[in-house]
Amino acid sequence: MEILFLAHRVPFPPDRGDKIRSFHVLRHLARRARVHLVAFADDPRDLTPPAEFRDLLSECVVVERTKPRWRAGLEAIASGRPLSLAAFDDPRVHAPVTRIVRERSIDRVYAFSGQMAQYLPEGLPAVMDFVDADSAKFEAFAGDAAGVARWMYRREARLLGAYERAVTARVEASLFVSAEEAALVPGARALENGIDISFFDPAASFVPVVGQGRLIVFTGQMDYKPNVDAVVGFAREVLPHVRAQHPDVRFAIVGRAPVREVRALAGEGVIVTGEVPDVRGWLAAADVVVAPLGLARGIQNKVLEAMAMARAVVASPAAAEGIDHAGTIQVAAGEGMAEAVNALLHDRATARSLGEVARARVQARYAWDACLAPLDAMMNLPAQTRVAA
């Protein structure tokens, strides 16, 4: 069986939310079929994926995304399209997609992220993995913006909403990361995120983080606005109340590409690590992991990772949405978040117990093989594992 896999980012290394999902989906498919990948790279390091990734694939075409935002904006206005689509419209991707379909007997197409739906070849059965409802995300952005930015966000939300519905009507299946996201688009269904429970395991081998004292930890891509807003809000509004009772505790912001607003938080009580080779050491060192997101779409990998590492987690209602978390993580916002964090810092036994229950929940429900099993029927995959040529 031959599958064309389209991705808005190279699914390797699986070190951020969207790439984690796309990598595990691709690996699942590649175990059962020959996969031809066409993907964008927004980091020059991703232009030459390592051998262990290329070995999964029959073909790997990676195109660096170079279109300036101003040009994408002009194209979007001129064409009446969403900016998200114009930004990813590139003849260097259209060409290899056309060639692969012409040269290979492609049976199915799997498109990852809504921006890639514009490359779906006509006449081939396709599954569209939107991951999140981007139209809803931009509508939320509009609520916090003003002036031209608000107009742009609302325009994007309106156009993307229509696009999501139109694509769903013409593909065999449209997927979203949670039932809550899928409910926003008629005809869509949920395919939940999973977690690599053997990798994110407190008993696994990794380099520990030592000598940092008591820690509250947040992990994420730190040039992503919802993450930036989350850590800035926590550092300014929640952390002072926590340190009033626990003056020795520090807040560690762990993730690549911290913007200036995040870097400015570093100082007494706040650590900004930048990119780290392995987040497990920081998660294992955490007394409490927090996910104070005001805006969150779908299932948050950062929460699943902390649960798998048997950490006590305090998450906002938005960050907890879509996760089977009853009895495992604390859900709180505003002053309640400070109270929940303080309670766990005071009561280490309860924190440890919550972490253990959280890991057990992840093991029972969120292993990738179980989460991705519905793909076999959607993609008409053979039951047996493919033997590499």
Protein backbone atom coordinates (compact mmCIF):
# COMPACT_ATOMS: atom_id res chain seq x y z
CA MET A 1 0.00 0.00 0.00
CA GLU A 2 1.24 3.50 -0.89
CA ILE A 3 0.40 6.57 1.23
CA LEU A 4 1.15 10.23 0.54
CA PHE A 5 1.70 12.08 3.83
CA LEU A 6 1.52 15.88 3.77
CA ALA A 7 2.72 17.86 6.81
CA HIS A 8 3.09 21.55 7.59
CA ARG A 9 6.24 20.72 9.61
CA VAL A 10 8.69 17.85 9.26
CA PRO A 11 7.46 15.33 11.85
CA PHE A 12 10.94 14.93 13.31
CA PRO A 13 12.31 15.38 15.89
CA PRO A 14 9.06 14.90 17.83
CA ASP A 15 9.85 17.70 20.28
CA ARG A 16 6.78 19.96 20.15
CA GLY A 17 3.05 19.32 20.27
CA ASP A 18 2.18 19.16 16.57
CA LYS A 19 5.37 17.28 15.61
CA ILE A 20 4.80 14.71 18.36
CA ARG A 21 1.37 13.85 16.95
CA SER A 22 2.47 13.86 13.29
CA PHE A 23 5.53 11.69 14.05
CA HIS A 24 3.54 9.00 15.80
CA VAL A 25 0.84 9.01 13.12
CA LEU A 26 3.48 8.74 10.39
CA ARG A 27 5.29 5.93 12.20
CA HIS A 28 2.01 4.08 12.68
CA LEU A 29 1.28 4.32 8.95
CA ALA A 30 4.86 3.47 7.92
CA ARG A 31 4.70 0.19 9.83
CA ARG A 32 1.86 -0.92 7.56
CA ALA A 33 2.45 0.84 4.23
CA ARG A 34 4.99 2.67 2.09
CA VAL A 35 4.84 6.34 3.00
CA HIS A 36 5.92 9.25 0.80
CA LEU A 37 6.38 12.42 2.83
CA VAL A 38 6.15 15.99 1.53
CA ALA A 39 6.63 18.52 4.31
CA PHE A 40 7.74 22.02 5.16
CA ALA A 41 10.67 22.91 7.41
CA ASP A 42 10.69 26.15 9.37
CA ASP A 43 14.08 25.36 10.91
CA PRO A 44 17.13 24.78 8.68
CA ARG A 45 18.09 21.86 10.91
CA ASP A 46 14.99 20.02 9.70
CA LEU A 47 15.99 20.11 6.03
CA THR A 48 18.09 16.95 6.41
CA PRO A 49 16.24 14.57 8.75
CA PRO A 50 18.45 11.92 10.35
CA ALA A 51 18.68 8.40 8.97
CA GLU A 52 16.44 6.81 11.60
CA PHE A 53 13.61 9.04 10.38
CA ARG A 54 14.29 8.73 6.65
CA ASP A 55 14.40 4.94 7.02
CA LEU A 56 10.70 4.99 7.86
CA LEU A 57 9.91 6.48 4.46
CA SER A 58 9.92 5.47 0.82
CA GLU A 59 10.48 9.11 -0.11
CA CYS A 60 11.15 12.28 1.87
CA VAL A 61 10.74 15.73 0.31
CA VAL A 62 11.38 18.66 2.64
CA VAL A 63 10.88 22.28 1.54
CA GLU A 64 12.06 25.22 3.61
CA ARG A 65 9.25 27.67 4.32
CA THR A 66 10.62 31.04 3.27
CA LYS A 67 7.60 33.15 2.27
CA PRO A 68 7.63 36.44 4.25
CA ARG A 69 4.57 37.16 6.34
CA TRP A 70 3.94 40.45 4.52
CA ARG A 71 3.81 38.66 1.18
CA ALA A 72 1.46 36.00 2.52
CA GLY A 73 -0.77 38.79 3.85
CA LEU A 74 -0.94 40.54 0.49
CA GLU A 75 -1.69 37.25 -1.29
CA ALA A 76 -4.41 36.44 1.22
CA ILE A 77 -6.13 39.81 0.82
CA ALA A 78 -5.85 39.73 -2.98
CA SER A 79 -7.22 36.19 -3.27
CA GLY A 80 -9.80 36.28 -0.49
CA ARG A 81 -8.13 33.29 1.18
CA PRO A 82 -7.16 32.82 4.82
CA LEU A 83 -3.66 34.03 5.66
CA SER A 84 -2.88 30.57 7.03
CA LEU A 85 -3.34 29.06 3.57
CA ALA A 86 -1.49 31.78 1.67
CA ALA A 87 1.49 31.42 4.02
CA PHE A 88 1.82 27.72 3.10
CA ASP A 89 1.00 27.98 -0.62
CA ASP A 90 4.25 27.12 -2.40
CA PRO A 91 4.90 25.76 -5.92
CA ARG A 92 7.91 23.87 -4.52
CA VAL A 93 5.41 21.68 -2.68
CA HIS A 94 2.77 21.45 -5.39
CA ALA A 95 5.38 20.07 -7.82
CA PRO A 96 6.55 17.02 -5.80
CA VAL A 97 2.96 16.20 -4.80
CA THR A 98 1.99 16.15 -8.47
CA ARG A 99 5.06 14.07 -9.38
CA ILE A 100 4.52 11.46 -6.63
CA VAL A 101 0.87 11.00 -7.58
CA ARG A 102 1.89 10.62 -11.23
CA GLU A 103 4.76 8.19 -10.61
CA ARG A 104 3.43 6.10 -7.74
CA SER A 105 0.21 4.20 -7.24
CA ILE A 106 -0.95 6.24 -4.25
CA ASP A 107 -3.84 4.54 -2.43
CA ARG A 108 -4.54 7.09 0.30
CA VAL A 109 -3.50 10.59 1.35
CA TYR A 110 -3.03 11.74 4.94
CA ALA A 111 -2.84 15.52 5.33
CA PHE A 112 -1.65 16.88 8.66
CA SER A 113 -2.79 20.39 9.68
CA GLY A 114 -5.36 22.46 7.83
CA GLN A 115 -2.77 24.42 5.83
CA MET A 116 -1.96 21.24 3.87
CA ALA A 117 -5.51 20.59 2.64
CA GLN A 118 -4.76 22.81 -0.37
CA TYR A 119 -2.36 20.10 -1.60
CA LEU A 120 -4.87 17.24 -1.52
CA PRO A 121 -4.83 15.64 -5.00
CA GLU A 122 -8.18 15.37 -6.74
CA GLY A 123 -9.68 11.92 -6.96
CA LEU A 124 -7.68 10.21 -4.20
CA PRO A 125 -9.22 9.06 -0.90
CA ALA A 126 -7.94 11.30 1.87
CA VAL A 127 -7.96 11.72 5.63
CA MET A 128 -7.59 15.30 6.85
CA ASP A 129 -6.08 15.70 10.31
CA PHE A 130 -6.82 19.29 11.31
CA VAL A 131 -5.52 18.58 14.84
CA ASP A 132 -7.16 21.74 16.25
CA ALA A 133 -10.01 23.91 15.05
CA ASP A 134 -7.86 26.86 13.97
CA SER A 135 -10.94 28.95 13.21
CA ALA A 136 -11.89 28.81 16.90
CA LYS A 137 -8.34 29.70 17.92
CA PHE A 138 -8.34 32.85 15.79
CA GLU A 139 -11.79 33.80 17.07
CA ALA A 140 -10.34 33.63 20.59
CA PHE A 141 -7.34 35.73 19.52
CA ALA A 142 -9.74 38.35 18.16
CA GLY A 143 -11.36 38.68 21.56
CA ASP A 144 -8.07 39.87 23.06
CA ALA A 145 -7.05 42.12 20.14
CA ALA A 146 -8.00 45.58 18.92
CA GLY A 147 -7.99 47.61 15.71
CA VAL A 148 -6.47 46.04 12.60
CA ALA A 149 -5.34 42.95 14.50
CA ARG A 150 -8.90 42.23 15.62
CA TRP A 151 -10.16 42.62 12.05
CA MET A 152 -7.46 40.26 10.73
CA TYR A 153 -8.15 37.64 13.39
CA ARG A 154 -11.90 37.75 12.77
CA ARG A 155 -11.38 37.53 9.02
CA GLU A 156 -9.11 34.53 9.53
CA ALA A 157 -11.62 32.84 11.85
CA ARG A 158 -14.49 33.35 9.39
CA LEU A 159 -12.59 32.15 6.31
CA LEU A 160 -10.97 29.20 8.08
CA GLY A 161 -14.31 28.10 9.51
CA ALA A 162 -15.79 27.95 6.01
CA TYR A 163 -12.66 26.18 4.75
CA GLU A 164 -12.73 23.57 7.51
CA ARG A 165 -16.35 22.75 6.70
CA ALA A 166 -15.70 22.58 2.94
CA VAL A 167 -12.70 20.25 3.33
CA THR A 168 -14.60 18.01 5.73
CA ALA A 169 -17.36 17.64 3.17
CA ARG A 170 -14.99 16.30 0.48
CA VAL A 171 -12.62 13.96 2.36
CA GLU A 172 -13.30 10.50 3.76
CA ALA A 173 -12.58 11.60 7.34
CA SER A 174 -11.75 14.83 9.13
CA LEU A 175 -9.95 14.42 12.44
CA PHE A 176 -9.50 16.64 15.46
CA VAL A 177 -7.57 16.02 18.63
CA SER A 178 -10.56 15.88 20.96
CA ALA A 179 -14.31 15.44 20.92
CA GLU A 180 -14.69 19.08 21.94
CA GLU A 181 -12.73 20.24 18.88
CA ALA A 182 -14.49 17.81 16.53
CA ALA A 183 -17.89 19.10 17.69
CA LEU A 184 -17.05 22.50 16.18
CA VAL A 185 -17.03 21.10 12.61
CA PRO A 186 -20.06 19.09 11.43
CA GLY A 187 -19.09 15.63 10.24
CA ALA A 188 -15.68 15.58 11.97
CA ARG A 189 -14.49 13.00 14.47
CA ALA A 190 -11.91 12.81 17.26
CA LEU A 191 -8.54 11.07 17.17
CA GLU A 192 -6.98 11.73 20.54
CA ASN A 193 -3.31 12.41 21.22
CA GLY A 194 -1.32 9.71 22.93
CA ILE A 195 1.92 9.60 24.84
CA ASP A 196 5.05 7.48 24.57
CA ILE A 197 4.73 5.86 27.99
CA SER A 198 8.07 4.07 27.74
CA PHE A 199 9.93 7.33 26.99
CA PHE A 200 8.03 9.52 29.44
CA ASP A 201 8.60 7.23 32.39
CA PRO A 202 10.16 8.29 35.69
CA ALA A 203 12.00 4.96 35.70
CA ALA A 204 13.54 5.51 32.25
CA SER A 205 17.15 6.52 31.71
CA PHE A 206 17.67 10.28 31.32
CA VAL A 207 19.97 12.97 32.69
CA PRO A 208 18.47 14.31 35.91
CA VAL A 209 18.27 17.99 36.78
CA VAL A 210 19.90 18.52 40.17
CA GLY A 211 20.77 21.41 42.43
CA GLN A 212 17.81 23.61 41.46
CA GLY A 213 15.87 23.30 44.73
CA ARG A 214 12.09 23.07 44.83
CA LEU A 215 10.56 23.69 41.41
CA ILE A 216 7.31 24.57 39.72
CA VAL A 217 7.77 23.66 36.04
CA PHE A 218 6.11 24.72 32.80
CA THR A 219 7.13 23.17 29.46
CA GLY A 220 6.34 24.40 25.97
CA GLN A 221 7.36 26.25 22.81
CA MET A 222 8.12 29.69 24.19
CA ASP A 223 7.47 31.80 21.11
CA TYR A 224 3.86 30.56 20.96
CA LYS A 225 1.53 33.30 22.21
CA PRO A 226 -0.73 31.17 24.45
CA ASN A 227 2.38 29.77 26.19
CA VAL A 228 3.90 33.24 26.53
CA ASP A 229 0.70 34.65 28.03
CA ALA A 230 0.46 31.65 30.38
CA VAL A 231 3.94 31.97 31.90
CA VAL A 232 3.86 35.76 32.09
CA GLY A 233 0.51 35.66 33.85
CA PHE A 234 1.65 32.93 36.24
CA ALA A 235 4.93 34.69 37.09
CA ARG A 236 3.25 38.01 37.76
CA GLU A 237 -0.06 37.03 39.30
CA VAL A 238 0.31 33.56 40.85
CA LEU A 239 3.96 33.06 41.74
CA PRO A 240 4.11 35.91 44.31
CA HIS A 241 1.32 34.25 46.31
CA VAL A 242 3.13 30.92 46.14
CA ARG A 243 6.49 32.33 47.17
CA ALA A 244 4.86 34.17 50.07
CA GLN A 245 4.34 30.73 51.62
CA HIS A 246 7.27 28.92 49.94
CA PRO A 247 10.05 31.47 49.46
CA ASP A 248 12.50 28.78 48.35
CA VAL A 249 10.43 27.56 45.40
CA ARG A 250 11.30 28.66 41.86
CA PHE A 251 9.35 28.69 38.62
CA ALA A 252 11.20 27.01 35.72
CA ILE A 253 10.05 27.90 32.18
CA VAL A 254 11.41 25.10 30.00
CA GLY A 255 11.24 25.35 26.23
CA ARG A 256 12.88 26.60 23.08
CA ALA A 257 12.81 30.08 21.54
CA PRO A 258 11.72 32.17 24.54
CA VAL A 259 10.68 35.61 23.32
CA ARG A 260 11.95 38.78 24.96
CA GLU A 261 8.88 39.03 27.20
CA VAL A 262 9.66 35.57 28.59
CA ARG A 263 13.41 36.13 28.92
CA ALA A 264 12.67 39.27 30.93
CA LEU A 265 11.04 37.13 33.63
CA ALA A 266 14.35 35.44 34.51
CA GLY A 267 15.70 36.43 37.90
CA GLU A 268 14.95 35.73 41.51
CA GLY A 269 12.36 33.01 41.63
CA VAL A 270 12.19 32.40 37.84
CA ILE A 271 14.41 30.22 35.61
CA VAL A 272 14.18 30.51 31.82
CA THR A 273 16.07 27.57 30.30
CA GLY A 274 15.62 28.04 26.57
CA GLU A 275 15.91 24.87 24.51
CA VAL A 276 16.90 21.77 26.47
CA PRO A 277 17.91 18.39 25.02
CA ASP A 278 15.40 16.47 27.15
CA VAL A 279 12.49 17.85 29.18
CA ARG A 280 12.21 14.68 31.27
CA GLY A 281 14.94 15.79 33.66
CA TRP A 282 13.06 18.99 34.43
CA LEU A 283 9.72 17.22 34.76
CA ALA A 284 11.22 14.64 37.11
CA ALA A 285 12.69 17.45 39.23
CA ALA A 286 9.36 19.28 39.50
CA ASP A 287 7.46 19.39 42.76
CA VAL A 288 4.49 20.65 40.76
CA VAL A 289 3.94 21.03 37.01
CA VAL A 290 1.63 23.85 35.92
CA ALA A 291 -0.30 24.48 32.71
CA PRO A 292 -1.97 27.88 33.32
CA LEU A 293 -3.13 28.37 29.72
CA GLY A 294 -5.91 30.83 29.04
CA LEU A 295 -6.24 29.60 25.45
CA ALA A 296 -5.70 25.93 24.65
CA ARG A 297 -6.98 23.86 21.75
CA GLY A 298 -7.41 20.12 21.95
CA ILE A 299 -5.39 17.82 24.19
CA GLN A 300 -2.26 19.35 25.68
CA ASN A 301 0.82 17.13 25.26
CA LYS A 302 2.55 19.03 28.05
CA VAL A 303 -0.12 17.82 30.48
CA LEU A 304 0.05 14.21 29.28
CA GLU A 305 3.85 14.25 29.52
CA ALA A 306 3.76 15.49 33.10
CA MET A 307 1.13 12.91 34.00
CA ALA A 308 3.21 10.14 32.41
CA MET A 309 6.20 11.29 34.47
CA ALA A 310 4.06 10.84 37.61
CA ARG A 311 4.08 14.53 38.49
CA ALA A 312 1.43 16.47 40.36
CA VAL A 313 -0.20 18.80 37.82
CA VAL A 314 -2.22 21.99 38.27
CA ALA A 315 -3.88 23.01 35.01
CA SER A 316 -6.30 25.68 33.93
CA PRO A 317 -9.74 24.55 32.74
CA ALA A 318 -8.65 25.23 29.13
CA ALA A 319 -5.49 23.13 29.46
CA ALA A 320 -7.36 20.25 31.11
CA GLU A 321 -10.14 20.12 28.51
CA GLY A 322 -10.29 16.89 26.58
CA ILE A 323 -8.11 14.93 29.02
CA ASP A 324 -9.48 12.17 31.21
CA HIS A 325 -8.21 13.79 34.39
CA ALA A 326 -10.78 13.13 37.13
CA GLY A 327 -8.91 12.36 40.34
CA THR A 328 -5.49 12.82 38.75
CA ILE A 329 -4.77 16.53 38.23
CA GLN A 330 -5.87 19.69 39.95
CA VAL A 331 -7.91 22.10 37.79
CA ALA A 332 -7.85 25.73 38.89
CA ALA A 333 -7.60 29.30 37.66
CA GLY A 334 -6.79 32.71 39.14
CA GLU A 335 -6.42 32.70 42.92
CA GLY A 336 -7.46 29.06 42.92
CA MET A 337 -4.30 28.13 41.04
CA ALA A 338 -2.09 29.65 43.73
CA GLU A 339 -4.08 27.82 46.40
CA ALA A 340 -3.79 24.49 44.56
CA VAL A 341 -0.04 24.86 44.00
CA ASN A 342 0.52 25.86 47.64
CA ALA A 343 -1.50 22.90 48.88
CA LEU A 344 0.59 20.45 46.84
CA LEU A 345 3.85 22.06 47.95
CA HIS A 346 2.71 21.73 51.57
CA ASP A 347 1.57 18.11 51.19
CA ARG A 348 4.22 16.11 49.36
CA ALA A 349 2.46 12.80 50.04
CA THR A 350 -0.68 13.98 48.26
CA ALA A 351 1.40 15.35 45.38
CA ARG A 352 3.20 12.01 45.05
CA SER A 353 -0.08 10.07 45.15
CA LEU A 354 -1.67 12.27 42.48
CA GLY A 355 1.35 11.74 40.25
CA GLU A 356 1.17 7.97 40.60
CA VAL A 357 -2.53 7.91 39.77
CA ALA A 358 -1.94 10.22 36.82
CA ARG A 359 0.68 7.89 35.35
CA ALA A 360 -1.62 4.92 35.77
CA ARG A 361 -4.39 6.80 33.92
CA VAL A 362 -2.04 7.63 31.05
CA GLN A 363 -0.85 4.03 30.81
CA ALA A 364 -4.43 2.77 30.68
CA ARG A 365 -5.78 5.25 28.13
CA TYR A 366 -3.17 7.23 26.25
CA ALA A 367 -0.64 4.79 24.81
CA TRP A 368 -0.14 5.75 21.15
CA ASP A 369 -0.98 2.32 19.72
CA ALA A 370 -4.41 2.41 21.33
CA CYS A 371 -5.09 6.03 20.37
CA LEU A 372 -4.14 5.46 16.72
CA ALA A 373 -5.87 2.10 16.23
CA PRO A 374 -8.91 3.75 14.55
CA LEU A 375 -6.62 4.87 11.70
CA ASP A 376 -6.34 1.30 10.43
CA ALA A 377 -9.94 1.26 9.24
CA MET A 378 -9.94 4.89 8.08
CA MET A 379 -6.86 4.37 5.93
CA ASN A 380 -7.82 0.81 4.89
CA LEU A 381 -4.48 -0.38 6.23
CA PRO A 382 -3.40 -4.03 6.12
CA ALA A 383 -3.48 -5.78 9.47
CA GLN A 384 0.09 -7.01 9.33
CA THR A 385 3.19 -4.91 9.84
CA ARG A 386 4.98 -4.07 6.60
CA VAL A 387 8.32 -5.73 5.98
CA ALA A 388 10.85 -3.16 4.77
CA ALA A 389 12.17 -3.74 1.25
